[in-house]
N, C-alpha and C. Protein backbone atom coordinates (compact mmCIF):
# COMPACT_ATOMS: atom_id res chain seq x y z
N MET A 1 -12.44 2.22 24.57
CA MET A 1 -11.38 3.15 24.20
C MET A 1 -11.14 3.05 22.69
N SER A 2 -11.11 4.17 22.00
CA SER A 2 -10.89 4.16 20.56
C SER A 2 -9.41 3.98 20.26
N LEU A 3 -9.13 3.52 19.03
CA LEU A 3 -7.75 3.28 18.64
C LEU A 3 -6.92 4.55 18.71
N SER A 4 -7.53 5.69 18.38
CA SER A 4 -6.79 6.96 18.39
C SER A 4 -6.36 7.37 19.80
N ASP A 5 -7.01 6.80 20.83
CA ASP A 5 -6.65 7.14 22.21
C ASP A 5 -5.53 6.25 22.77
N VAL A 6 -5.23 5.17 22.08
CA VAL A 6 -4.25 4.21 22.60
C VAL A 6 -2.84 4.82 22.61
N GLN A 7 -2.13 4.62 23.70
CA GLN A 7 -0.72 4.98 23.79
C GLN A 7 0.10 3.71 23.97
N ILE A 8 1.37 3.79 23.61
CA ILE A 8 2.26 2.64 23.78
C ILE A 8 3.09 2.87 25.04
N ASP A 9 2.99 1.92 25.96
CA ASP A 9 3.67 2.04 27.26
C ASP A 9 4.83 1.04 27.33
N HIS A 10 5.87 1.42 28.05
CA HIS A 10 6.98 0.51 28.35
C HIS A 10 6.64 -0.24 29.64
N ILE A 11 6.64 -1.56 29.57
CA ILE A 11 6.37 -2.36 30.78
C ILE A 11 7.49 -2.13 31.79
N ILE A 12 8.73 -2.30 31.34
CA ILE A 12 9.89 -1.90 32.14
C ILE A 12 10.23 -0.47 31.70
N PRO A 13 10.18 0.50 32.60
CA PRO A 13 10.26 1.91 32.21
C PRO A 13 11.48 2.26 31.37
N GLU A 14 11.26 3.15 30.43
CA GLU A 14 12.31 3.55 29.49
C GLU A 14 13.47 4.26 30.18
N HIS A 15 13.18 4.97 31.27
CA HIS A 15 14.24 5.76 31.92
C HIS A 15 15.34 4.87 32.51
N LEU A 16 15.07 3.56 32.61
CA LEU A 16 16.09 2.64 33.14
C LEU A 16 17.14 2.27 32.10
N ASN A 17 16.87 2.60 30.85
CA ASN A 17 17.79 2.22 29.78
C ASN A 17 19.18 2.81 30.03
N GLY A 18 20.19 1.95 30.12
CA GLY A 18 21.56 2.40 30.36
C GLY A 18 21.90 2.65 31.81
N SER A 19 20.94 2.42 32.71
CA SER A 19 21.20 2.67 34.14
C SER A 19 21.88 1.47 34.79
N ASN A 20 22.48 1.71 35.95
CA ASN A 20 23.16 0.64 36.69
C ASN A 20 22.19 -0.38 37.25
N GLU A 21 20.97 0.05 37.54
CA GLU A 21 20.00 -0.84 38.17
C GLU A 21 19.27 -1.73 37.17
N LEU A 22 19.40 -1.44 35.90
CA LEU A 22 18.65 -2.19 34.89
C LEU A 22 18.96 -3.68 34.94
N SER A 23 20.22 -4.02 35.07
CA SER A 23 20.63 -5.43 35.04
C SER A 23 19.93 -6.24 36.11
N SER A 24 19.89 -5.74 37.34
CA SER A 24 19.25 -6.49 38.43
C SER A 24 17.75 -6.56 38.24
N ILE A 25 17.14 -5.53 37.68
CA ILE A 25 15.69 -5.54 37.43
C ILE A 25 15.35 -6.57 36.37
N LEU A 26 16.17 -6.65 35.33
CA LEU A 26 15.94 -7.65 34.28
C LEU A 26 16.03 -9.06 34.85
N VAL A 27 17.01 -9.30 35.71
CA VAL A 27 17.16 -10.62 36.34
C VAL A 27 15.94 -10.94 37.18
N SER A 28 15.48 -9.97 37.98
CA SER A 28 14.33 -10.21 38.87
C SER A 28 13.05 -10.49 38.08
N LEU A 29 12.97 -9.94 36.86
CA LEU A 29 11.78 -10.15 36.03
C LEU A 29 11.96 -11.29 35.03
N GLY A 30 13.09 -11.97 35.12
CA GLY A 30 13.30 -13.12 34.25
C GLY A 30 13.59 -12.77 32.81
N ARG A 31 14.08 -11.55 32.57
CA ARG A 31 14.41 -11.15 31.20
C ARG A 31 15.87 -11.44 30.93
N PRO A 32 16.21 -11.80 29.69
CA PRO A 32 17.59 -12.17 29.38
C PRO A 32 18.52 -10.95 29.36
N GLU A 33 19.80 -11.21 29.49
CA GLU A 33 20.79 -10.15 29.36
C GLU A 33 20.73 -9.60 27.93
N GLY A 34 20.81 -8.31 27.79
CA GLY A 34 20.69 -7.71 26.46
C GLY A 34 19.25 -7.43 26.06
N PHE A 35 18.31 -7.63 26.98
CA PHE A 35 16.90 -7.33 26.71
C PHE A 35 16.76 -5.86 26.30
N GLU A 36 16.07 -5.61 25.19
CA GLU A 36 15.91 -4.25 24.68
C GLU A 36 14.70 -3.58 25.31
N ILE A 37 14.95 -2.45 25.98
CA ILE A 37 13.84 -1.70 26.58
C ILE A 37 12.91 -1.16 25.50
N ASN A 38 13.52 -0.61 24.44
CA ASN A 38 12.72 -0.07 23.34
C ASN A 38 12.55 -1.13 22.25
N SER A 39 11.68 -2.08 22.53
CA SER A 39 11.40 -3.15 21.58
C SER A 39 9.97 -3.62 21.78
N PHE A 40 9.49 -4.38 20.80
CA PHE A 40 8.12 -4.90 20.88
C PHE A 40 7.94 -5.82 22.08
N GLU A 41 9.03 -6.39 22.60
CA GLU A 41 8.93 -7.28 23.75
C GLU A 41 8.71 -6.53 25.06
N ASN A 42 8.80 -5.21 25.01
CA ASN A 42 8.60 -4.41 26.22
C ASN A 42 7.53 -3.34 26.04
N TRP A 43 6.80 -3.41 24.95
CA TRP A 43 5.74 -2.43 24.68
C TRP A 43 4.38 -3.08 24.82
N MET A 44 3.43 -2.30 25.31
CA MET A 44 2.05 -2.77 25.36
C MET A 44 1.11 -1.58 25.20
N PRO A 45 -0.09 -1.81 24.67
CA PRO A 45 -1.05 -0.71 24.54
C PRO A 45 -1.55 -0.27 25.91
N ALA A 46 -1.79 1.03 26.06
CA ALA A 46 -2.24 1.54 27.36
C ALA A 46 -3.20 2.70 27.17
N HIS A 47 -4.11 2.85 28.13
CA HIS A 47 -5.00 4.00 28.17
C HIS A 47 -4.17 5.21 28.61
N PRO A 48 -4.39 6.39 28.00
CA PRO A 48 -3.58 7.57 28.35
C PRO A 48 -3.53 7.89 29.84
N ILE A 49 -4.68 7.81 30.53
CA ILE A 49 -4.70 8.13 31.97
C ILE A 49 -3.89 7.10 32.75
N CYS A 50 -4.06 5.82 32.40
CA CYS A 50 -3.29 4.76 33.07
C CYS A 50 -1.80 4.92 32.81
N ASN A 51 -1.47 5.29 31.58
CA ASN A 51 -0.07 5.46 31.22
C ASN A 51 0.57 6.60 32.01
N ARG A 52 -0.16 7.71 32.13
CA ARG A 52 0.36 8.83 32.91
C ARG A 52 0.48 8.47 34.38
N GLY A 53 -0.49 7.69 34.88
CA GLY A 53 -0.46 7.30 36.29
C GLY A 53 0.71 6.39 36.60
N LYS A 54 1.01 5.48 35.68
CA LYS A 54 2.15 4.57 35.88
C LYS A 54 3.46 5.34 35.80
N ALA A 55 3.55 6.23 34.80
CA ALA A 55 4.76 7.03 34.57
C ALA A 55 5.99 6.13 34.56
N GLY A 56 7.00 6.43 35.40
CA GLY A 56 8.24 5.66 35.39
C GLY A 56 8.32 4.64 36.50
N HIS A 57 7.16 4.25 37.04
CA HIS A 57 7.14 3.32 38.17
C HIS A 57 7.72 1.95 37.76
N VAL A 58 8.57 1.42 38.61
CA VAL A 58 9.14 0.08 38.39
C VAL A 58 8.36 -0.91 39.25
N PHE A 59 7.66 -1.83 38.60
CA PHE A 59 6.86 -2.80 39.33
C PHE A 59 7.74 -3.88 39.95
N SER A 60 7.35 -4.33 41.12
CA SER A 60 8.02 -5.48 41.72
C SER A 60 7.64 -6.73 40.95
N PRO A 61 8.51 -7.72 40.93
CA PRO A 61 8.18 -8.97 40.24
C PRO A 61 6.88 -9.56 40.78
N SER A 62 5.99 -9.93 39.87
CA SER A 62 4.70 -10.52 40.25
C SER A 62 4.20 -11.35 39.09
N PRO A 63 3.27 -12.27 39.34
CA PRO A 63 2.72 -13.07 38.24
C PRO A 63 2.10 -12.21 37.14
N LEU A 64 1.45 -11.10 37.51
CA LEU A 64 0.80 -10.24 36.52
C LEU A 64 1.83 -9.58 35.60
N ILE A 65 2.89 -9.00 36.19
CA ILE A 65 3.92 -8.36 35.38
C ILE A 65 4.64 -9.39 34.51
N GLN A 66 4.91 -10.56 35.10
CA GLN A 66 5.56 -11.63 34.35
C GLN A 66 4.69 -12.06 33.16
N MET A 67 3.39 -12.15 33.39
CA MET A 67 2.46 -12.55 32.33
C MET A 67 2.47 -11.53 31.19
N GLU A 68 2.48 -10.22 31.53
CA GLU A 68 2.48 -9.18 30.50
C GLU A 68 3.76 -9.21 29.68
N LEU A 69 4.89 -9.42 30.35
CA LEU A 69 6.17 -9.50 29.64
C LEU A 69 6.22 -10.72 28.72
N GLU A 70 5.72 -11.85 29.20
CA GLU A 70 5.72 -13.07 28.39
C GLU A 70 4.77 -12.92 27.20
N ARG A 71 3.63 -12.28 27.45
CA ARG A 71 2.67 -12.06 26.37
C ARG A 71 3.27 -11.13 25.30
N ALA A 72 3.94 -10.07 25.75
CA ALA A 72 4.58 -9.15 24.80
C ALA A 72 5.65 -9.88 23.99
N SER A 73 6.39 -10.76 24.65
CA SER A 73 7.44 -11.52 23.97
C SER A 73 6.84 -12.45 22.91
N LEU A 74 5.73 -13.10 23.25
CA LEU A 74 5.08 -14.01 22.31
C LEU A 74 4.53 -13.28 21.09
N LEU A 75 4.04 -12.06 21.29
CA LEU A 75 3.41 -11.31 20.21
C LEU A 75 4.37 -10.39 19.47
N ALA A 76 5.62 -10.30 19.95
CA ALA A 76 6.57 -9.33 19.39
C ALA A 76 6.82 -9.54 17.90
N GLY A 77 7.02 -10.79 17.49
CA GLY A 77 7.30 -11.07 16.08
C GLY A 77 6.17 -10.63 15.18
N ARG A 78 4.95 -10.98 15.56
CA ARG A 78 3.78 -10.61 14.75
C ARG A 78 3.59 -9.10 14.72
N ALA A 79 3.77 -8.46 15.89
CA ALA A 79 3.61 -7.00 15.96
C ALA A 79 4.64 -6.30 15.08
N LYS A 80 5.86 -6.80 15.08
CA LYS A 80 6.92 -6.20 14.27
C LYS A 80 6.60 -6.33 12.78
N ASP A 81 6.13 -7.52 12.38
CA ASP A 81 5.76 -7.74 10.97
C ASP A 81 4.64 -6.79 10.55
N LEU A 82 3.62 -6.65 11.41
CA LEU A 82 2.50 -5.75 11.09
C LEU A 82 2.97 -4.31 10.97
N ALA A 83 3.86 -3.90 11.88
CA ALA A 83 4.36 -2.52 11.85
C ALA A 83 5.16 -2.26 10.58
N GLN A 84 6.00 -3.22 10.19
CA GLN A 84 6.80 -3.05 8.98
C GLN A 84 5.90 -3.02 7.74
N ARG A 85 4.87 -3.89 7.72
CA ARG A 85 3.96 -3.90 6.59
C ARG A 85 3.18 -2.59 6.50
N TYR A 86 2.74 -2.09 7.66
CA TYR A 86 2.00 -0.82 7.68
C TYR A 86 2.89 0.32 7.19
N ALA A 87 4.16 0.34 7.65
CA ALA A 87 5.07 1.41 7.23
C ALA A 87 5.32 1.34 5.73
N THR A 88 5.50 0.11 5.21
CA THR A 88 5.72 -0.05 3.77
C THR A 88 4.51 0.40 2.98
N GLU A 89 3.31 -0.01 3.42
CA GLU A 89 2.09 0.38 2.72
C GLU A 89 1.89 1.89 2.75
N ARG A 90 2.22 2.53 3.87
CA ARG A 90 2.10 3.98 3.95
C ARG A 90 3.05 4.67 2.98
N GLN A 91 4.28 4.15 2.87
CA GLN A 91 5.24 4.73 1.94
C GLN A 91 4.77 4.56 0.50
N ILE A 92 4.25 3.37 0.18
CA ILE A 92 3.76 3.12 -1.17
C ILE A 92 2.56 4.00 -1.47
N ASP A 93 1.60 4.07 -0.53
CA ASP A 93 0.42 4.91 -0.72
C ASP A 93 0.81 6.37 -0.93
N SER A 94 1.79 6.83 -0.15
CA SER A 94 2.26 8.21 -0.28
C SER A 94 2.89 8.44 -1.65
N ALA A 95 3.68 7.47 -2.12
CA ALA A 95 4.32 7.60 -3.43
C ALA A 95 3.27 7.61 -4.54
N ILE A 96 2.27 6.72 -4.43
CA ILE A 96 1.21 6.67 -5.44
C ILE A 96 0.44 7.98 -5.46
N GLN A 97 0.17 8.53 -4.27
CA GLN A 97 -0.56 9.80 -4.19
C GLN A 97 0.21 10.91 -4.88
N ARG A 98 1.53 10.96 -4.67
CA ARG A 98 2.35 11.99 -5.31
C ARG A 98 2.36 11.82 -6.83
N ILE A 99 2.39 10.55 -7.28
CA ILE A 99 2.36 10.29 -8.72
C ILE A 99 1.03 10.74 -9.31
N LEU A 100 -0.08 10.44 -8.61
CA LEU A 100 -1.39 10.85 -9.11
C LEU A 100 -1.52 12.36 -9.18
N ILE A 101 -0.98 13.05 -8.18
CA ILE A 101 -1.02 14.52 -8.19
C ILE A 101 -0.22 15.05 -9.37
N ALA A 102 0.96 14.46 -9.60
CA ALA A 102 1.79 14.88 -10.74
C ALA A 102 1.08 14.60 -12.06
N HIS A 103 0.39 13.46 -12.13
CA HIS A 103 -0.35 13.12 -13.34
C HIS A 103 -1.48 14.12 -13.59
N GLU A 104 -2.23 14.45 -12.54
CA GLU A 104 -3.32 15.42 -12.67
C GLU A 104 -2.80 16.78 -13.11
N ALA A 105 -1.60 17.14 -12.62
CA ALA A 105 -1.02 18.44 -12.96
C ALA A 105 -0.36 18.42 -14.35
N GLY A 106 -0.28 17.23 -14.94
CA GLY A 106 0.33 17.12 -16.27
C GLY A 106 1.84 17.26 -16.26
N SER A 107 2.46 16.98 -15.12
CA SER A 107 3.91 17.18 -15.01
C SER A 107 4.72 15.89 -15.17
N LEU A 108 4.06 14.76 -15.42
CA LEU A 108 4.80 13.52 -15.69
C LEU A 108 5.24 13.51 -17.15
N THR A 109 6.50 13.22 -17.39
CA THR A 109 6.98 13.13 -18.77
C THR A 109 6.51 11.82 -19.39
N ASN A 110 6.57 11.74 -20.71
CA ASN A 110 6.19 10.50 -21.39
C ASN A 110 7.06 9.34 -20.94
N ASP A 111 8.35 9.61 -20.71
CA ASP A 111 9.26 8.55 -20.27
C ASP A 111 8.88 8.05 -18.88
N GLN A 112 8.51 8.98 -17.98
CA GLN A 112 8.09 8.59 -16.63
C GLN A 112 6.81 7.78 -16.68
N GLN A 113 5.87 8.19 -17.52
CA GLN A 113 4.61 7.45 -17.64
C GLN A 113 4.85 6.06 -18.20
N LYS A 114 5.77 5.95 -19.15
CA LYS A 114 6.08 4.64 -19.73
C LYS A 114 6.69 3.71 -18.68
N LYS A 115 7.59 4.25 -17.84
CA LYS A 115 8.20 3.44 -16.78
C LYS A 115 7.14 2.93 -15.82
N LEU A 116 6.19 3.80 -15.45
CA LEU A 116 5.11 3.39 -14.55
C LEU A 116 4.24 2.33 -15.20
N ALA A 117 3.94 2.53 -16.48
CA ALA A 117 3.10 1.56 -17.20
C ALA A 117 3.78 0.20 -17.28
N ASP A 118 5.11 0.20 -17.49
CA ASP A 118 5.85 -1.06 -17.57
C ASP A 118 5.82 -1.81 -16.24
N VAL A 119 5.92 -1.07 -15.12
CA VAL A 119 5.87 -1.70 -13.79
C VAL A 119 4.51 -2.35 -13.57
N VAL A 120 3.44 -1.59 -13.87
CA VAL A 120 2.08 -2.11 -13.70
C VAL A 120 1.86 -3.31 -14.61
N LEU A 121 2.32 -3.21 -15.84
CA LEU A 121 2.15 -4.30 -16.80
C LEU A 121 2.82 -5.57 -16.31
N HIS A 122 4.05 -5.46 -15.82
CA HIS A 122 4.79 -6.64 -15.36
C HIS A 122 4.04 -7.33 -14.22
N PHE A 123 3.58 -6.53 -13.23
CA PHE A 123 2.85 -7.11 -12.10
C PHE A 123 1.52 -7.70 -12.57
N HIS A 124 0.82 -6.94 -13.41
CA HIS A 124 -0.52 -7.36 -13.85
C HIS A 124 -0.45 -8.64 -14.67
N GLU A 125 0.48 -8.70 -15.60
CA GLU A 125 0.56 -9.85 -16.51
C GLU A 125 0.86 -11.13 -15.75
N GLU A 126 1.73 -11.06 -14.74
CA GLU A 126 2.08 -12.26 -13.95
C GLU A 126 0.88 -12.82 -13.21
N ASN A 127 -0.07 -11.96 -12.86
CA ASN A 127 -1.19 -12.38 -12.03
C ASN A 127 -2.49 -12.57 -12.81
N ARG A 128 -2.43 -12.51 -14.11
CA ARG A 128 -3.65 -12.70 -14.91
C ARG A 128 -3.95 -14.18 -15.09
N PRO A 129 -5.22 -14.54 -15.26
CA PRO A 129 -5.56 -15.92 -15.61
C PRO A 129 -4.91 -16.30 -16.93
N ALA A 130 -4.64 -17.57 -17.11
CA ALA A 130 -3.92 -18.03 -18.31
C ALA A 130 -4.61 -17.59 -19.59
N GLU A 131 -5.96 -17.63 -19.60
CA GLU A 131 -6.68 -17.29 -20.82
C GLU A 131 -6.63 -15.80 -21.16
N MET A 132 -6.20 -14.97 -20.17
CA MET A 132 -6.13 -13.52 -20.41
C MET A 132 -4.72 -13.04 -20.71
N LYS A 133 -3.71 -13.89 -20.53
CA LYS A 133 -2.34 -13.46 -20.77
C LYS A 133 -2.16 -13.08 -22.24
N GLY A 134 -1.46 -11.97 -22.45
CA GLY A 134 -1.20 -11.52 -23.81
C GLY A 134 -2.28 -10.64 -24.39
N ARG A 135 -3.44 -10.57 -23.72
CA ARG A 135 -4.51 -9.70 -24.21
C ARG A 135 -4.23 -8.27 -23.75
N SER A 136 -4.97 -7.34 -24.30
CA SER A 136 -4.78 -5.94 -23.97
C SER A 136 -4.79 -5.74 -22.46
N LEU A 137 -3.88 -4.90 -21.97
CA LEU A 137 -3.75 -4.70 -20.53
C LEU A 137 -5.06 -4.26 -19.90
N MET A 138 -5.76 -3.34 -20.54
CA MET A 138 -7.01 -2.83 -19.98
C MET A 138 -8.03 -2.62 -21.09
N ILE A 139 -9.15 -3.24 -20.95
CA ILE A 139 -10.31 -2.87 -21.76
C ILE A 139 -11.39 -2.51 -20.76
N ALA A 140 -11.83 -1.27 -20.81
CA ALA A 140 -12.73 -0.75 -19.79
C ALA A 140 -14.05 -1.49 -19.79
N PRO A 141 -14.70 -1.60 -18.62
CA PRO A 141 -15.96 -2.34 -18.52
C PRO A 141 -17.09 -1.74 -19.36
N TRP A 142 -16.96 -0.45 -19.73
CA TRP A 142 -18.02 0.18 -20.54
C TRP A 142 -17.83 -0.06 -22.04
N LEU A 143 -16.76 -0.80 -22.41
CA LEU A 143 -16.51 -1.10 -23.81
C LEU A 143 -16.85 -2.57 -24.10
N THR A 144 -17.57 -2.80 -25.18
CA THR A 144 -17.91 -4.16 -25.60
C THR A 144 -16.98 -4.57 -26.73
N VAL A 145 -16.34 -5.72 -26.59
CA VAL A 145 -15.46 -6.23 -27.65
C VAL A 145 -16.33 -6.97 -28.67
N LEU A 146 -16.39 -6.42 -29.88
CA LEU A 146 -17.20 -7.03 -30.94
C LEU A 146 -16.41 -8.06 -31.74
N GLY A 147 -15.10 -7.88 -31.77
CA GLY A 147 -14.26 -8.80 -32.53
C GLY A 147 -12.81 -8.37 -32.42
N GLU A 148 -11.95 -9.13 -33.07
CA GLU A 148 -10.52 -8.81 -33.04
C GLU A 148 -9.84 -9.48 -34.21
N ASP A 149 -8.69 -8.90 -34.61
CA ASP A 149 -7.83 -9.57 -35.58
C ASP A 149 -6.42 -9.57 -35.00
N ALA A 150 -5.44 -9.75 -35.83
CA ALA A 150 -4.07 -9.86 -35.31
C ALA A 150 -3.57 -8.57 -34.67
N HIS A 151 -4.16 -7.44 -35.06
CA HIS A 151 -3.62 -6.15 -34.62
C HIS A 151 -4.58 -5.30 -33.80
N TYR A 152 -5.89 -5.49 -33.95
CA TYR A 152 -6.84 -4.57 -33.33
C TYR A 152 -7.99 -5.31 -32.63
N TYR A 153 -8.55 -4.61 -31.61
CA TYR A 153 -9.84 -4.97 -31.06
C TYR A 153 -10.87 -4.05 -31.72
N TYR A 154 -12.02 -4.63 -32.05
CA TYR A 154 -13.13 -3.84 -32.60
C TYR A 154 -14.14 -3.68 -31.47
N LEU A 155 -14.35 -2.43 -31.07
CA LEU A 155 -15.10 -2.14 -29.85
C LEU A 155 -16.36 -1.34 -30.12
N GLN A 156 -17.26 -1.43 -29.15
CA GLN A 156 -18.47 -0.60 -29.17
C GLN A 156 -18.56 0.15 -27.85
N GLY A 157 -18.74 1.47 -27.93
CA GLY A 157 -18.84 2.29 -26.74
C GLY A 157 -20.22 2.23 -26.11
N PRO A 158 -20.40 2.88 -24.96
CA PRO A 158 -21.68 2.82 -24.24
C PRO A 158 -22.85 3.40 -25.01
N GLY A 159 -22.56 4.31 -25.95
CA GLY A 159 -23.64 4.92 -26.74
C GLY A 159 -23.88 4.22 -28.06
N GLY A 160 -23.16 3.14 -28.32
CA GLY A 160 -23.35 2.38 -29.55
C GLY A 160 -22.33 2.68 -30.64
N MET A 161 -21.53 3.73 -30.47
CA MET A 161 -20.52 4.05 -31.48
C MET A 161 -19.44 2.98 -31.48
N ARG A 162 -18.98 2.65 -32.68
CA ARG A 162 -17.97 1.61 -32.82
C ARG A 162 -16.62 2.20 -33.22
N GLY A 163 -15.55 1.49 -32.82
CA GLY A 163 -14.22 1.96 -33.15
C GLY A 163 -13.19 0.87 -32.91
N ILE A 164 -11.94 1.24 -32.99
CA ILE A 164 -10.86 0.27 -32.83
C ILE A 164 -9.89 0.70 -31.74
N ARG A 165 -9.13 -0.28 -31.28
CA ARG A 165 -8.04 -0.04 -30.32
C ARG A 165 -6.98 -1.10 -30.60
N PRO A 166 -5.70 -0.72 -30.63
CA PRO A 166 -4.65 -1.71 -30.93
C PRO A 166 -4.56 -2.79 -29.86
N LYS A 167 -4.08 -3.95 -30.26
CA LYS A 167 -3.80 -5.02 -29.31
C LYS A 167 -2.36 -4.89 -28.83
N GLY A 168 -2.06 -5.59 -27.76
CA GLY A 168 -0.69 -5.62 -27.26
C GLY A 168 -0.56 -4.95 -25.92
N ASP A 169 0.62 -5.09 -25.34
CA ASP A 169 0.86 -4.60 -23.98
C ASP A 169 1.55 -3.24 -23.94
N LYS A 170 2.02 -2.75 -25.07
CA LYS A 170 2.73 -1.47 -25.09
C LYS A 170 2.05 -0.51 -26.07
N ILE A 171 0.81 -0.19 -25.73
CA ILE A 171 0.02 0.70 -26.58
C ILE A 171 0.41 2.14 -26.30
N ASP A 172 0.61 2.92 -27.34
CA ASP A 172 0.95 4.33 -27.17
C ASP A 172 -0.17 5.04 -26.40
N MET A 173 0.23 5.95 -25.50
CA MET A 173 -0.75 6.62 -24.65
C MET A 173 -1.72 7.50 -25.43
N SER A 174 -1.37 7.83 -26.68
CA SER A 174 -2.27 8.66 -27.48
C SER A 174 -3.58 7.93 -27.81
N TRP A 175 -3.61 6.60 -27.60
CA TRP A 175 -4.84 5.85 -27.85
C TRP A 175 -5.84 6.01 -26.70
N ASP A 176 -5.41 6.57 -25.59
CA ASP A 176 -6.35 6.85 -24.49
C ASP A 176 -6.93 8.24 -24.67
N CYS A 177 -8.19 8.38 -24.33
CA CYS A 177 -8.87 9.68 -24.46
C CYS A 177 -8.40 10.61 -23.33
N PRO A 178 -8.03 11.87 -23.65
CA PRO A 178 -7.62 12.81 -22.60
C PRO A 178 -8.72 13.07 -21.58
N ARG A 179 -9.98 12.85 -22.00
CA ARG A 179 -11.10 13.14 -21.10
C ARG A 179 -11.54 11.93 -20.29
N CYS A 180 -11.65 10.76 -20.91
CA CYS A 180 -12.25 9.62 -20.20
C CYS A 180 -11.35 8.40 -20.07
N GLY A 181 -10.13 8.46 -20.61
CA GLY A 181 -9.20 7.36 -20.40
C GLY A 181 -9.26 6.29 -21.48
N VAL A 182 -9.27 5.03 -21.05
CA VAL A 182 -9.22 3.89 -21.97
C VAL A 182 -10.44 3.89 -22.87
N THR A 183 -10.21 3.82 -24.18
CA THR A 183 -11.32 3.89 -25.12
C THR A 183 -10.90 3.31 -26.47
N GLY A 184 -11.81 3.39 -27.43
CA GLY A 184 -11.52 3.09 -28.82
C GLY A 184 -11.82 4.33 -29.64
N TRP A 185 -11.39 4.35 -30.90
CA TRP A 185 -11.57 5.55 -31.71
C TRP A 185 -12.26 5.21 -33.03
N ASN A 186 -13.17 6.10 -33.41
CA ASN A 186 -13.82 6.06 -34.71
C ASN A 186 -13.29 7.28 -35.46
N GLY A 187 -12.21 7.07 -36.21
CA GLY A 187 -11.52 8.21 -36.80
C GLY A 187 -10.88 9.03 -35.69
N VAL A 188 -11.32 10.29 -35.55
CA VAL A 188 -10.77 11.16 -34.49
C VAL A 188 -11.76 11.31 -33.34
N LYS A 189 -12.77 10.46 -33.29
CA LYS A 189 -13.83 10.60 -32.27
C LYS A 189 -13.75 9.45 -31.26
N CYS A 190 -13.72 9.82 -29.97
CA CYS A 190 -13.72 8.83 -28.90
C CYS A 190 -15.08 8.14 -28.85
N ILE A 191 -15.09 6.80 -28.84
CA ILE A 191 -16.37 6.08 -28.85
C ILE A 191 -17.01 6.03 -27.47
N THR A 192 -16.31 6.51 -26.44
CA THR A 192 -16.88 6.53 -25.10
C THR A 192 -17.59 7.84 -24.80
N CYS A 193 -16.88 8.97 -24.99
CA CYS A 193 -17.47 10.27 -24.64
C CYS A 193 -17.77 11.15 -25.84
N GLY A 194 -17.30 10.76 -27.03
CA GLY A 194 -17.58 11.54 -28.22
C GLY A 194 -16.61 12.68 -28.47
N MET A 195 -15.60 12.83 -27.63
CA MET A 195 -14.64 13.92 -27.80
C MET A 195 -13.88 13.76 -29.12
N MET A 196 -13.67 14.89 -29.80
CA MET A 196 -12.89 14.89 -31.04
C MET A 196 -11.44 15.21 -30.70
N ASP A 197 -10.51 14.41 -31.23
CA ASP A 197 -9.09 14.63 -30.96
C ASP A 197 -8.31 14.18 -32.19
N ASP A 198 -7.73 15.17 -32.88
CA ASP A 198 -6.97 14.83 -34.09
C ASP A 198 -5.49 14.61 -33.81
N GLY A 199 -5.15 14.61 -32.51
CA GLY A 199 -3.77 14.31 -32.13
C GLY A 199 -2.85 15.50 -32.10
N ASP A 200 -3.32 16.69 -32.47
CA ASP A 200 -2.47 17.89 -32.44
C ASP A 200 -2.49 18.54 -31.07
């Protein structure tokens, strides 16, 4: 069965929630008072046909049903953590996607781009090796660092053209090429793609 076919089934049927008979059923199945029907402790993966066949059937107490409830209870904490992490990652991925679309459309303001860059810089700098802390946030793999002084990196592009790029963590975005991104400049010429840009 593929993951897309999996349905989530209630071991103790959902229709019992709030009913008069729920209390006695919980006691017979060894579940505590206040047991949540709609919780990870009462959910299990099920095949769609099996789930439809079971429908709202209430199983009599048995070792098999007891085992499934105990297993769900044991795995509930881990399942909840995974679900929360997945939901958080989906929200972040969605936000990043919207930002990328806005960036492609050219609708991000300079202030918005700076805020994003500061967030990335803070996270990136904390996780860099000690020998890389304080160095330029990004030097692209296609650029060779030929040397540096207190203010600049001296770079060579993939075609051999040489140029400069400022050092530091808050480089103005105008130092990136509109066509190819992170680069160095030889006058008004990008050393990566050769594009001419006089800044106007």
